[in-house]
Amino acid sequence: MQIMETNSKILHYVPNPTRKIHGHKNMKTARIASIYSIFVGIAMLGLWVMLLSTNQVPELASEPYRIIAHILAEIATAVLLLIGGYGLLKKQTWGMKAFLFSQGALFYTLIASPGYYIQFGAVPIAAMFIILLVITLIFLGQAILRPNEFELNGK
């Protein structure tokens, strides 16, 4: 922190643009959020690879157009999560915007998915989606309401 004296003899705080915040809570929050984003993106891709490769998507026979569109939307969400997480983690200028966009896509997915699993009696899987929804809402809330929590200086 620098204190600067002006002609009017009033002291003003001038932020130091070269100050690094390594180890600071802000950096930890952004780092955890970016790792979460990357982890969920990889998990989504892995889940669909597993389900498709083991023929566990019966909707391919009964309603192929709807499920293909759904799978493509989930793949797009997963790719956005990887891009947003990477951008935030690597302190890219576009990282925060990509992160927010990807979390919005994930938010939609996490609202839509539990109902499918509850309908078939897979309550533990639905509960997992609800837990992920709560985590996603926490990160979105922090990013929107307290954007300084996601400042990653030092690029």
Protein backbone atom coordinates (compact mmCIF):
# COMPACT_ATOMS: atom_id res chain seq x y z
CA MET A 1 0.00 0.00 0.00
CA GLN A 2 1.19 3.47 -0.81
CA ILE A 3 0.05 6.68 0.82
CA MET A 4 0.30 9.78 -1.27
CA GLU A 5 0.12 13.37 -0.11
CA THR A 6 -1.60 15.82 -2.44
CA ASN A 7 -1.41 19.61 -2.62
CA SER A 8 -4.43 19.88 -0.32
CA LYS A 9 -2.53 17.98 2.39
CA ILE A 10 -5.08 15.14 2.29
CA LEU A 11 -3.66 11.65 2.33
CA HIS A 12 -4.98 9.31 -0.38
CA TYR A 13 -4.64 5.58 -0.71
CA VAL A 14 -3.09 4.60 -4.03
CA PRO A 15 -3.25 0.90 -4.87
CA ASN A 16 0.04 -0.60 -5.91
CA PRO A 17 -0.56 -2.29 -9.31
CA THR A 18 2.54 -4.46 -8.92
CA ARG A 19 1.44 -5.93 -5.59
CA LYS A 20 1.17 -9.71 -5.71
CA ILE A 21 -1.43 -11.52 -3.66
CA HIS A 22 0.12 -14.98 -3.61
CA GLY A 23 -1.17 -16.91 -0.63
CA HIS A 24 -3.96 -14.40 -0.11
CA LYS A 25 -7.57 -15.55 0.38
CA ASN A 26 -8.58 -13.94 -2.93
CA MET A 27 -6.19 -16.06 -4.90
CA LYS A 28 -7.24 -19.21 -3.05
CA THR A 29 -10.92 -18.62 -3.82
CA ALA A 30 -10.26 -18.10 -7.53
CA ARG A 31 -7.90 -21.07 -7.64
CA ILE A 32 -10.43 -23.37 -5.96
CA ALA A 33 -13.19 -22.13 -8.28
CA SER A 34 -11.06 -22.71 -11.38
CA ILE A 35 -10.04 -26.21 -10.23
CA TYR A 36 -13.70 -26.98 -9.51
CA SER A 37 -14.62 -25.85 -13.02
CA ILE A 38 -11.92 -27.99 -14.64
CA PHE A 39 -12.78 -31.01 -12.46
CA VAL A 40 -16.50 -30.85 -13.28
CA GLY A 41 -15.75 -30.39 -17.00
CA ILE A 42 -13.53 -33.49 -17.03
CA ALA A 43 -16.10 -35.44 -14.98
CA MET A 44 -18.90 -34.53 -17.40
CA LEU A 45 -16.89 -35.65 -20.41
CA GLY A 46 -15.86 -38.84 -18.61
CA LEU A 47 -19.42 -39.64 -17.61
CA TRP A 48 -20.72 -39.35 -21.16
CA VAL A 49 -17.84 -41.40 -22.57
CA MET A 50 -18.57 -44.11 -20.00
CA LEU A 51 -22.34 -44.07 -20.55
CA LEU A 52 -22.07 -44.13 -24.34
CA SER A 53 -19.30 -46.73 -24.50
CA THR A 54 -21.22 -49.11 -22.21
CA ASN A 55 -24.57 -48.63 -23.99
CA GLN A 56 -26.23 -47.07 -20.95
CA VAL A 57 -28.18 -44.42 -22.87
CA PRO A 58 -31.49 -46.13 -23.77
CA GLU A 59 -32.87 -42.85 -25.11
CA LEU A 60 -30.65 -43.26 -28.18
CA ALA A 61 -33.20 -45.83 -29.39
CA SER A 62 -36.41 -44.22 -28.09
CA GLU A 63 -35.77 -40.49 -28.58
CA PRO A 64 -32.47 -40.06 -30.45
CA TYR A 65 -32.85 -36.42 -31.51
CA ARG A 66 -33.60 -35.16 -28.00
CA ILE A 67 -30.81 -37.12 -26.33
CA ILE A 68 -28.23 -36.23 -28.99
CA ALA A 69 -29.08 -32.54 -28.52
CA HIS A 70 -28.82 -33.02 -24.76
CA ILE A 71 -25.45 -34.78 -25.02
CA LEU A 72 -24.11 -32.05 -27.33
CA ALA A 73 -25.27 -29.38 -24.84
CA GLU A 74 -23.53 -31.21 -21.99
CA ILE A 75 -20.34 -31.61 -24.03
CA ALA A 76 -20.45 -27.89 -24.83
CA THR A 77 -20.93 -27.15 -21.11
CA ALA A 78 -17.97 -29.38 -20.23
CA VAL A 79 -15.72 -27.68 -22.80
CA LEU A 80 -16.82 -24.25 -21.53
CA LEU A 81 -16.00 -25.34 -17.97
CA LEU A 82 -12.51 -26.41 -19.06
CA ILE A 83 -11.94 -23.13 -20.91
CA GLY A 84 -13.35 -20.97 -18.09
CA GLY A 85 -11.42 -22.84 -15.42
CA TYR A 86 -8.19 -22.66 -17.38
CA GLY A 87 -8.63 -18.96 -18.15
CA LEU A 88 -9.28 -18.11 -14.51
CA LEU A 89 -6.45 -20.34 -13.25
CA LYS A 90 -3.94 -18.88 -15.71
CA LYS A 91 -5.06 -15.29 -15.02
CA GLN A 92 -6.09 -14.62 -18.60
CA THR A 93 -7.85 -11.32 -19.30
CA TRP A 94 -10.87 -13.26 -20.62
CA GLY A 95 -10.78 -15.81 -17.79
CA MET A 96 -13.39 -14.29 -15.49
CA LYS A 97 -15.93 -13.81 -18.30
CA ALA A 98 -15.39 -17.35 -19.57
CA PHE A 99 -15.65 -18.70 -16.02
CA LEU A 100 -18.96 -16.91 -15.40
CA PHE A 101 -20.36 -18.05 -18.75
CA SER A 102 -19.38 -21.66 -18.08
CA GLN A 103 -20.84 -21.59 -14.56
CA GLY A 104 -24.11 -20.32 -16.02
CA ALA A 105 -24.21 -23.27 -18.42
CA LEU A 106 -23.40 -25.62 -15.54
CA PHE A 107 -26.11 -24.02 -13.41
CA TYR A 108 -28.72 -24.89 -16.05
CA THR A 109 -27.44 -28.46 -16.36
CA LEU A 110 -27.49 -28.96 -12.59
CA ILE A 111 -31.12 -27.82 -12.41
CA ALA A 112 -32.25 -30.07 -15.29
CA SER A 113 -30.35 -33.25 -14.39
CA PRO A 114 -31.61 -34.28 -10.92
CA GLY A 115 -35.21 -34.77 -12.12
CA TYR A 116 -34.14 -37.42 -14.62
CA TYR A 117 -32.37 -39.47 -11.96
CA ILE A 118 -35.12 -39.04 -9.35
CA GLN A 119 -37.64 -40.31 -11.91
CA PHE A 120 -35.67 -43.57 -12.15
CA GLY A 121 -35.07 -43.88 -8.41
CA ALA A 122 -31.39 -42.89 -8.45
CA VAL A 123 -31.74 -40.48 -5.52
CA PRO A 124 -28.03 -40.54 -4.51
CA ILE A 125 -27.03 -39.35 -7.99
CA ALA A 126 -29.69 -36.63 -7.86
CA ALA A 127 -28.35 -35.61 -4.44
CA MET A 128 -24.85 -35.32 -5.93
CA PHE A 129 -26.20 -32.94 -8.59
CA ILE A 130 -27.90 -30.85 -5.90
CA ILE A 131 -24.65 -30.61 -3.93
CA LEU A 132 -22.83 -29.51 -7.09
CA LEU A 133 -25.61 -26.96 -7.68
CA VAL A 134 -25.04 -25.48 -4.22
CA ILE A 135 -21.27 -25.30 -4.80
CA THR A 136 -21.85 -23.67 -8.19
CA LEU A 137 -24.21 -21.11 -6.65
CA ILE A 138 -21.62 -20.28 -4.00
CA PHE A 139 -18.93 -19.63 -6.63
CA LEU A 140 -21.33 -17.65 -8.83
CA GLY A 141 -22.47 -15.60 -5.86
CA GLN A 142 -18.92 -14.79 -4.84
CA ALA A 143 -17.88 -13.97 -8.39
CA ILE A 144 -20.84 -11.65 -8.92
CA LEU A 145 -21.28 -10.10 -5.47
CA ARG A 146 -17.60 -10.02 -4.45
CA PRO A 147 -15.55 -9.94 -7.65
CA ASN A 148 -12.44 -8.94 -5.69
CA GLU A 149 -12.43 -12.56 -4.45
CA PHE A 150 -11.45 -13.52 -8.00
CA GLU A 151 -8.74 -10.93 -8.65
CA LEU A 152 -5.63 -12.74 -9.72
CA ASN A 153 -2.91 -10.13 -9.95
CA GLY A 154 0.61 -11.00 -10.88
CA LYS A 155 0.16 -11.86 -14.57
